[in-house]
Amino acid sequence: MNNANMNMLLNMLSKMDKKDLEKGIEQANKILKSNNKDDIINQLKNNSNNQ
């Protein structure tokens, strides 16, 4: 990961509250452990678009 991407990620994380951060970590762990990573990512994208 280059410095620009890392800075952007850290900036996003600093703006999240604890509840959102924990939810994001839980979703990331689910994606990393899953065999259907693309399905989970698409589902998350659809959920965020509907909010």
C-alpha atoms as a PDB file:
ATOM      1  CA  MET A   1       0.000   0.000   0.000  1.00  0.00           C
ATOM      2  CA  ASN A   2       1.451   3.345  -0.948  1.00  0.00           C
ATOM      3  CA  ASN A   3       1.595   6.354   1.391  1.00  0.00           C
ATOM      4  CA  ALA A   4      -1.347   8.141  -0.227  1.00  0.00           C
ATOM      5  CA  ASN A   5      -3.629   5.132   0.228  1.00  0.00           C
ATOM      6  CA  MET A   6      -2.436   4.629   3.801  1.00  0.00           C
ATOM      7  CA  ASN A   7      -3.041   8.292   4.643  1.00  0.00           C
ATOM      8  CA  MET A   8      -6.528   8.118   3.144  1.00  0.00           C
ATOM      9  CA  LEU A   9      -7.298   4.942   5.131  1.00  0.00           C
ATOM     10  CA  LEU A  10      -6.030   6.452   8.387  1.00  0.00           C
ATOM     11  CA  ASN A  11      -8.044   9.617   7.753  1.00  0.00           C
ATOM     12  CA  MET A  12     -11.215   7.588   7.207  1.00  0.00           C
ATOM     13  CA  LEU A  13     -10.595   5.536  10.346  1.00  0.00           C
ATOM     14  CA  SER A  14     -10.022   8.634  12.458  1.00  0.00           C
ATOM     15  CA  LYS A  15     -13.488   9.935  11.515  1.00  0.00           C
ATOM     16  CA  MET A  16     -15.319   6.742  12.485  1.00  0.00           C
ATOM     17  CA  ASP A  17     -16.867   6.280  15.882  1.00  0.00           C
ATOM     18  CA  LYS A  18     -16.140   3.122  17.872  1.00  0.00           C
ATOM     19  CA  LYS A  19     -19.364   1.366  16.876  1.00  0.00           C
ATOM     20  CA  ASP A  20     -18.778   1.943  13.154  1.00  0.00           C
ATOM     21  CA  LEU A  21     -15.136   0.954  13.439  1.00  0.00           C
ATOM     22  CA  GLU A  22     -16.014  -2.321  15.181  1.00  0.00           C
ATOM     23  CA  LYS A  23     -18.651  -3.059  12.544  1.00  0.00           C
ATOM     24  CA  GLY A  24     -16.129  -2.377   9.756  1.00  0.00           C
ATOM     25  CA  ILE A  25     -13.537  -4.658  11.352  1.00  0.00           C
ATOM     26  CA  GLU A  26     -16.137  -7.396  11.760  1.00  0.00           C
ATOM     27  CA  GLN A  27     -17.097  -7.099   8.075  1.00  0.00           C
ATOM     28  CA  ALA A  28     -13.443  -7.134   6.983  1.00  0.00           C
ATOM     29  CA  ASN A  29     -12.804 -10.292   9.014  1.00  0.00           C
ATOM     30  CA  LYS A  30     -15.875 -11.926   7.479  1.00  0.00           C
ATOM     31  CA  ILE A  31     -14.621 -11.082   3.981  1.00  0.00           C
ATOM     32  CA  LEU A  32     -11.107 -12.370   4.683  1.00  0.00           C
ATOM     33  CA  LYS A  33     -12.387 -15.693   6.063  1.00  0.00           C
ATOM     34  CA  SER A  34     -14.975 -16.275   3.336  1.00  0.00           C
ATOM     35  CA  ASN A  35     -14.681 -18.207   0.114  1.00  0.00           C
ATOM     36  CA  ASN A  36     -17.295 -15.875  -1.429  1.00  0.00           C
ATOM     37  CA  LYS A  37     -15.462 -12.585  -0.949  1.00  0.00           C
ATOM     38  CA  ASP A  38     -16.990 -10.939  -4.024  1.00  0.00           C
ATOM     39  CA  ASP A  39     -20.530 -11.829  -2.921  1.00  0.00           C
ATOM     40  CA  ILE A  40     -19.998 -10.280   0.516  1.00  0.00           C
ATOM     41  CA  ILE A  41     -18.415  -7.139  -0.940  1.00  0.00           C
ATOM     42  CA  ASN A  42     -21.286  -6.717  -3.402  1.00  0.00           C
ATOM     43  CA  GLN A  43     -23.827  -7.214  -0.612  1.00  0.00           C
ATOM     44  CA  LEU A  44     -22.106  -4.556   1.514  1.00  0.00           C
ATOM     45  CA  LYS A  45     -22.027  -2.143  -1.426  1.00  0.00           C
ATOM     46  CA  ASN A  46     -25.738  -2.702  -2.048  1.00  0.00           C
ATOM     47  CA  ASN A  47     -26.529  -2.142   1.643  1.00  0.00           C
ATOM     48  CA  SER A  48     -24.564   1.115   1.734  1.00  0.00           C
ATOM     49  CA  ASN A  49     -26.231   2.356  -1.459  1.00  0.00           C
ATOM     50  CA  ASN A  50     -29.679   1.749   0.021  1.00  0.00           C
ATOM     51  CA  GLN A  51     -29.031   3.836   3.137  1.00  0.00           C
END
